[in-house]
N, C-alpha and C. Protein backbone atom coordinates (compact mmCIF):
# COMPACT_ATOMS: atom_id res chain seq x y z
N GLY A 1 45.46 60.52 142.19
CA GLY A 1 46.05 60.89 140.86
C GLY A 1 45.11 61.99 140.20
N PHE A 2 44.76 61.68 139.03
CA PHE A 2 44.05 62.62 138.15
C PHE A 2 42.83 63.12 138.77
N GLU A 3 41.97 62.19 139.36
CA GLU A 3 40.67 62.53 139.95
C GLU A 3 40.84 63.44 141.09
N ARG A 4 41.82 63.22 141.96
CA ARG A 4 42.10 64.05 143.09
C ARG A 4 42.40 65.51 142.62
N SER A 5 43.28 65.47 141.67
CA SER A 5 43.75 66.85 141.05
C SER A 5 42.53 67.60 140.51
N ALA A 6 41.64 66.83 139.81
CA ALA A 6 40.42 67.55 139.34
C ALA A 6 39.53 68.03 140.44
N VAL A 7 39.39 67.33 141.45
CA VAL A 7 38.65 67.86 142.71
C VAL A 7 39.24 68.98 143.27
N ASN A 8 40.60 68.90 143.48
CA ASN A 8 41.36 70.06 144.06
C ASN A 8 41.11 71.34 143.19
N ASN A 9 41.29 71.20 141.90
CA ASN A 9 41.22 72.36 140.94
C ASN A 9 39.75 72.85 140.98
N ALA A 10 38.73 72.00 141.09
CA ALA A 10 37.37 72.58 141.17
C ALA A 10 37.08 73.28 142.43
N GLU A 11 37.70 72.83 143.57
CA GLU A 11 37.59 73.45 144.86
C GLU A 11 38.31 74.73 144.89
N LEU A 12 39.45 74.81 144.31
CA LEU A 12 40.26 76.11 144.14
C LEU A 12 39.52 77.09 143.42
N ARG A 13 39.00 76.76 142.25
CA ARG A 13 38.22 77.73 141.39
C ARG A 13 37.06 78.12 142.04
N ALA A 14 36.25 77.34 142.72
CA ALA A 14 35.10 77.75 143.44
C ALA A 14 35.38 78.62 144.48
N ASN A 15 36.42 78.50 145.22
CA ASN A 15 36.88 79.31 146.30
C ASN A 15 37.32 80.70 145.67
N ALA A 16 38.06 80.78 144.67
CA ALA A 16 38.46 82.02 144.02
C ALA A 16 37.27 82.77 143.53
N GLN A 17 36.24 82.08 142.93
CA GLN A 17 35.10 82.81 142.50
C GLN A 17 34.31 83.45 143.69
N SER A 18 34.26 82.52 144.74
CA SER A 18 33.54 83.00 145.99
C SER A 18 34.22 84.33 146.57
N ILE A 19 35.46 84.25 146.77
CA ILE A 19 36.28 85.40 147.15
C ILE A 19 36.06 86.66 146.24
N LEU A 20 36.19 86.33 144.85
CA LEU A 20 35.97 87.45 143.94
C LEU A 20 34.67 88.13 144.12
N SER A 21 33.62 87.36 144.22
CA SER A 21 32.37 87.71 144.43
C SER A 21 32.21 88.65 145.68
N MET A 22 32.83 88.21 146.77
CA MET A 22 32.88 89.01 148.01
C MET A 22 33.51 90.41 147.83
N ILE A 23 34.70 90.27 147.09
CA ILE A 23 35.45 91.62 146.80
C ILE A 23 34.64 92.50 146.06
N HIS A 24 34.05 92.08 144.98
CA HIS A 24 33.15 92.97 144.19
C HIS A 24 31.99 93.43 144.86
N GLU A 25 31.37 92.54 145.66
CA GLU A 25 30.25 93.05 146.57
C GLU A 25 30.50 94.19 147.51
N HIS A 26 31.78 94.13 148.11
CA HIS A 26 32.16 95.02 149.16
C HIS A 26 33.05 96.14 148.61
N ARG A 27 33.27 96.11 147.45
CA ARG A 27 34.11 97.16 146.77
C ARG A 27 33.32 98.53 146.85
N PRO A 28 34.11 99.54 147.20
CA PRO A 28 33.42 100.88 147.14
C PRO A 28 32.85 101.14 145.74
N LYS A 29 31.61 101.74 145.69
CA LYS A 29 31.01 101.94 144.40
C LYS A 29 31.91 102.84 143.52
N ASN A 30 32.67 103.72 144.09
CA ASN A 30 33.59 104.59 143.20
C ASN A 30 34.59 103.80 142.54
N THR A 31 35.00 102.67 143.21
CA THR A 31 36.09 101.88 142.57
C THR A 31 35.43 101.25 141.32
N SER A 32 34.24 100.69 141.34
CA SER A 32 33.58 100.10 140.22
C SER A 32 33.33 101.18 139.17
N LEU A 33 32.86 102.22 139.53
CA LEU A 33 32.66 103.36 138.59
C LEU A 33 33.94 103.85 137.98
N ALA A 34 35.03 103.67 138.60
CA ALA A 34 36.26 104.10 137.94
C ALA A 34 36.84 102.97 137.03
N TYR A 35 36.68 101.73 137.51
CA TYR A 35 37.22 100.54 136.67
C TYR A 35 36.46 100.29 135.50
N GLU A 36 35.14 100.30 135.67
CA GLU A 36 34.35 99.74 134.53
C GLU A 36 34.52 100.49 133.12
N PRO A 37 34.52 101.75 133.07
CA PRO A 37 34.75 102.42 131.70
C PRO A 37 36.10 101.98 131.12
N LYS A 38 37.11 101.91 131.98
CA LYS A 38 38.48 101.62 131.56
C LYS A 38 38.49 100.18 130.95
N GLN A 39 37.86 99.21 131.73
CA GLN A 39 37.93 97.82 131.33
C GLN A 39 37.00 97.76 129.97
N ARG A 40 35.93 98.46 129.86
CA ARG A 40 35.19 98.39 128.54
C ARG A 40 36.12 99.06 127.36
N GLU A 41 36.91 100.02 127.70
CA GLU A 41 37.80 100.60 126.68
C GLU A 41 38.83 99.44 126.21
N PHE A 42 39.23 98.69 127.22
CA PHE A 42 40.24 97.65 126.90
C PHE A 42 39.49 96.65 125.98
N GLN A 43 38.26 96.14 126.46
CA GLN A 43 37.55 95.19 125.66
C GLN A 43 37.30 95.69 124.20
N ASP A 44 36.97 96.97 124.10
CA ASP A 44 36.69 97.54 122.78
C ASP A 44 38.03 97.57 121.93
N PHE A 45 39.13 97.86 122.54
CA PHE A 45 40.41 97.71 121.87
C PHE A 45 40.66 96.28 121.33
N CYS A 46 40.31 95.26 122.20
CA CYS A 46 40.48 93.98 121.79
C CYS A 46 39.68 93.50 120.73
N ARG A 47 38.41 94.02 120.69
CA ARG A 47 37.43 93.74 119.63
C ARG A 47 37.94 94.32 118.32
N ARG A 48 38.52 95.45 118.45
CA ARG A 48 38.95 96.26 117.21
C ARG A 48 40.12 95.44 116.68
N LYS A 49 41.01 94.95 117.51
CA LYS A 49 42.18 94.20 117.14
C LYS A 49 41.79 92.75 116.64
N GLN A 50 40.66 92.31 116.89
CA GLN A 50 40.10 90.99 116.63
C GLN A 50 41.09 89.83 117.19
N TYR A 51 41.56 89.88 118.25
CA TYR A 51 42.39 88.90 118.94
C TYR A 51 41.64 87.59 119.03
N GLU A 52 42.41 86.54 118.67
CA GLU A 52 41.68 85.25 118.65
C GLU A 52 41.17 84.79 120.04
N ASP A 53 41.81 85.34 121.19
CA ASP A 53 41.44 84.98 122.50
C ASP A 53 40.55 86.16 123.05
N GLY A 54 40.00 86.96 122.26
CA GLY A 54 39.07 88.06 122.58
C GLY A 54 39.83 89.01 123.57
N ASP A 55 39.06 89.34 124.73
CA ASP A 55 39.58 90.25 125.63
C ASP A 55 40.36 89.56 126.77
N THR A 56 40.85 88.45 126.67
CA THR A 56 41.74 87.85 127.67
C THR A 56 42.92 88.84 127.97
N VAL A 57 43.13 89.08 129.14
CA VAL A 57 44.14 90.09 129.60
C VAL A 57 45.52 89.41 129.48
N THR A 58 46.48 89.98 128.65
CA THR A 58 47.79 89.53 128.76
C THR A 58 48.74 90.85 128.94
N GLU A 59 49.93 90.65 129.41
CA GLU A 59 50.79 91.87 129.65
C GLU A 59 51.06 92.62 128.24
N ASP A 60 51.28 91.73 127.24
CA ASP A 60 51.58 92.35 125.82
C ASP A 60 50.30 93.25 125.33
N LYS A 61 49.15 92.64 125.44
CA LYS A 61 47.92 93.43 125.13
C LYS A 61 47.81 94.68 125.93
N LEU A 62 47.92 94.55 127.17
CA LEU A 62 47.79 95.68 128.12
C LEU A 62 48.82 96.83 127.65
N LEU A 63 50.12 96.40 127.50
CA LEU A 63 51.15 97.46 127.04
C LEU A 63 50.69 98.08 125.66
N LEU A 64 50.24 97.30 124.74
CA LEU A 64 49.88 97.91 123.42
C LEU A 64 48.70 98.90 123.61
N PHE A 65 47.69 98.38 124.36
CA PHE A 65 46.42 99.26 124.66
C PHE A 65 47.03 100.55 125.27
N LEU A 66 47.84 100.48 126.34
CA LEU A 66 48.32 101.76 126.87
C LEU A 66 48.92 102.63 126.01
N VAL A 67 49.82 102.16 125.02
CA VAL A 67 50.61 102.81 124.02
C VAL A 67 49.59 103.45 122.93
N GLU A 68 48.76 102.57 122.49
CA GLU A 68 47.80 102.95 121.33
C GLU A 68 46.70 103.74 121.64
N ASP A 69 45.95 103.43 122.80
CA ASP A 69 44.72 104.03 123.18
C ASP A 69 44.74 104.88 124.44
N VAL A 70 45.77 104.84 125.16
CA VAL A 70 45.66 105.54 126.55
C VAL A 70 46.67 106.69 126.46
N ALA A 71 47.99 106.31 126.62
CA ALA A 71 49.04 107.32 126.80
C ALA A 71 49.18 108.46 125.81
N ASN A 72 48.96 108.09 124.59
CA ASN A 72 49.14 109.06 123.51
C ASN A 72 47.99 109.79 122.93
N ARG A 73 46.92 109.52 123.59
CA ARG A 73 45.65 110.27 123.01
C ARG A 73 45.42 111.55 123.74
N PRO A 74 44.86 112.50 123.01
CA PRO A 74 44.52 113.76 123.76
C PRO A 74 43.56 113.49 124.87
N LEU A 75 43.47 114.31 125.80
CA LEU A 75 42.49 114.28 126.91
C LEU A 75 41.09 114.50 126.19
N LYS A 76 40.09 113.65 126.95
CA LYS A 76 38.75 113.79 126.41
C LYS A 76 38.20 115.15 126.66
N THR A 77 38.48 115.70 127.80
CA THR A 77 38.09 117.07 127.99
C THR A 77 39.31 117.80 128.65
N LYS A 78 39.45 119.02 128.21
CA LYS A 78 40.74 119.74 128.62
C LYS A 78 40.57 120.06 130.15
N SER A 79 41.73 119.64 130.79
CA SER A 79 41.69 120.00 132.32
C SER A 79 41.95 121.44 132.57
N PRO A 80 41.43 121.99 133.55
CA PRO A 80 41.60 123.38 133.93
C PRO A 80 43.07 123.65 134.28
N LYS A 81 43.79 122.55 134.55
CA LYS A 81 45.33 122.65 134.87
C LYS A 81 46.08 122.92 133.59
N VAL A 82 45.52 122.59 132.45
CA VAL A 82 46.26 122.79 131.20
C VAL A 82 46.19 124.20 130.72
N ASP A 83 47.28 124.73 130.40
CA ASP A 83 47.51 126.22 129.84
C ASP A 83 46.55 126.33 128.70
N ASN A 84 45.86 127.46 128.60
CA ASN A 84 44.88 127.75 127.56
C ASN A 84 45.68 127.80 126.18
N GLU A 85 47.07 128.04 126.12
CA GLU A 85 47.76 128.14 124.85
C GLU A 85 47.90 126.73 124.33
N VAL A 86 47.80 125.68 125.07
CA VAL A 86 48.00 124.31 124.62
C VAL A 86 46.69 123.81 123.94
N PRO A 87 46.77 123.52 122.64
CA PRO A 87 45.61 122.98 121.90
C PRO A 87 45.13 121.62 122.49
N GLN A 88 43.88 121.40 122.35
CA GLN A 88 43.25 120.15 122.79
C GLN A 88 44.11 118.90 122.41
N GLU A 89 44.41 118.83 121.07
CA GLU A 89 45.00 117.71 120.63
C GLU A 89 46.43 117.44 121.04
N LYS A 90 47.02 118.43 121.73
CA LYS A 90 48.35 118.26 122.27
C LYS A 90 48.32 117.74 123.81
N THR A 91 47.14 117.83 124.34
CA THR A 91 47.10 117.37 125.70
C THR A 91 47.25 115.81 125.87
N ARG A 92 47.79 115.40 127.10
CA ARG A 92 47.91 114.00 127.31
C ARG A 92 47.56 113.69 128.75
N LEU A 93 47.28 112.47 129.04
CA LEU A 93 46.88 112.05 130.32
C LEU A 93 48.15 112.16 131.29
N ALA A 94 47.98 112.51 132.61
CA ALA A 94 49.01 112.49 133.49
C ALA A 94 49.38 110.98 133.86
N TRP A 95 50.63 110.70 134.30
CA TRP A 95 50.95 109.30 134.49
C TRP A 95 50.01 108.60 135.43
N ARG A 96 49.62 109.39 136.51
CA ARG A 96 48.83 108.69 137.53
C ARG A 96 47.51 108.19 136.86
N SER A 97 47.02 108.87 135.84
CA SER A 97 45.79 108.47 135.12
C SER A 97 46.04 107.13 134.28
N VAL A 98 47.31 107.17 133.68
CA VAL A 98 47.75 105.92 132.92
C VAL A 98 47.86 104.70 133.97
N ARG A 99 48.31 105.09 135.16
CA ARG A 99 48.50 104.01 136.18
C ARG A 99 46.98 103.39 136.52
N SER A 100 46.07 104.27 136.49
CA SER A 100 44.60 103.94 136.87
C SER A 100 44.12 102.91 135.86
N TYR A 101 44.51 103.05 134.64
CA TYR A 101 44.22 102.06 133.62
C TYR A 101 44.83 100.70 133.90
N ILE A 102 46.19 100.70 134.32
CA ILE A 102 46.85 99.46 134.60
C ILE A 102 46.09 98.86 135.76
N THR A 103 45.65 99.52 136.74
CA THR A 103 45.05 98.88 137.92
C THR A 103 43.71 98.39 137.42
N ALA A 104 42.91 99.08 136.66
CA ALA A 104 41.58 98.57 136.24
C ALA A 104 41.79 97.32 135.31
N ILE A 105 42.69 97.32 134.47
CA ILE A 105 42.82 96.16 133.54
C ILE A 105 43.33 94.94 134.38
N THR A 106 44.34 95.18 135.32
CA THR A 106 44.73 94.09 136.18
C THR A 106 43.63 93.54 136.94
N ASP A 107 42.72 94.32 137.37
CA ASP A 107 41.49 93.84 138.09
C ASP A 107 40.72 92.99 137.20
N LEU A 108 40.48 93.29 135.93
CA LEU A 108 39.81 92.57 134.93
C LEU A 108 40.56 91.13 134.86
N TYR A 109 41.90 91.20 134.78
CA TYR A 109 42.66 90.02 134.59
C TYR A 109 42.31 89.12 135.86
N ARG A 110 42.34 89.66 137.07
CA ARG A 110 41.99 88.76 138.26
C ARG A 110 40.64 88.23 138.18
N THR A 111 39.65 88.84 137.69
CA THR A 111 38.37 88.40 137.44
C THR A 111 38.41 87.26 136.52
N GLN A 112 39.08 87.39 135.39
CA GLN A 112 39.17 86.33 134.38
C GLN A 112 39.90 85.12 134.98
N LYS A 113 40.90 85.33 135.76
CA LYS A 113 41.75 84.32 136.42
C LYS A 113 40.82 83.45 137.22
N ALA A 114 40.02 84.20 138.12
CA ALA A 114 39.16 83.51 139.10
C ALA A 114 38.11 82.61 138.53
N ARG A 115 37.68 83.10 137.27
CA ARG A 115 36.56 82.50 136.58
C ARG A 115 37.15 81.30 135.76
N GLY A 116 38.54 81.14 135.72
CA GLY A 116 39.12 80.09 134.94
C GLY A 116 39.22 80.40 133.49
N MET A 117 39.02 81.74 133.16
CA MET A 117 39.03 82.18 131.80
C MET A 117 40.35 82.66 131.34
N ASN A 118 41.39 82.73 132.16
CA ASN A 118 42.68 83.26 131.79
C ASN A 118 43.80 82.44 132.56
N THR A 119 44.63 81.81 131.67
CA THR A 119 45.76 81.04 132.15
C THR A 119 47.03 81.77 132.01
N HIS A 120 47.02 83.01 131.58
CA HIS A 120 48.26 83.70 131.41
C HIS A 120 48.76 84.18 132.78
N PRO A 121 50.12 84.56 132.86
CA PRO A 121 50.63 85.06 134.10
C PRO A 121 50.11 86.50 134.36
N SER A 122 50.07 86.96 135.48
CA SER A 122 49.57 88.31 135.78
C SER A 122 50.45 89.32 135.05
N PRO A 123 49.79 90.42 134.57
CA PRO A 123 50.67 91.47 133.90
C PRO A 123 51.56 92.12 134.92
N GLN A 124 52.81 92.25 134.65
CA GLN A 124 53.72 92.84 135.66
C GLN A 124 54.25 94.09 135.00
N ILE A 125 53.60 95.22 135.23
CA ILE A 125 54.03 96.51 134.76
C ILE A 125 54.40 97.36 135.93
N TYR A 126 55.64 97.76 135.88
CA TYR A 126 56.18 98.38 137.05
C TYR A 126 56.11 99.88 136.88
N TYR A 127 55.63 100.59 137.96
CA TYR A 127 55.64 102.09 137.76
C TYR A 127 55.95 102.71 139.07
């Protein structure tokens, strides 16, 4: 009954954490370098919004973060691909860059899930 279920859940969580550690250990350094700043931006967004559940990743939070902080902001530095006539404040991220935020925050979700810190369903953002 209950005891068996508790043992099973503990075993599943321990295994998930072990796998997660292995994934992070063997992840290419560039992946971590790409994900970490984006994950910090999401965490800063959550702190600014003062969500009761902190930086717990949910689909709704991810979507709002993308709209408010990612897709509609000017580029941090102007790309050489942008025409010189276009003012800095009119520049926007390319869709593939927005997608990289989705990937990074979904990775944060998986980390939270494996650590038992997130019971929400995985964000399903189709692109």
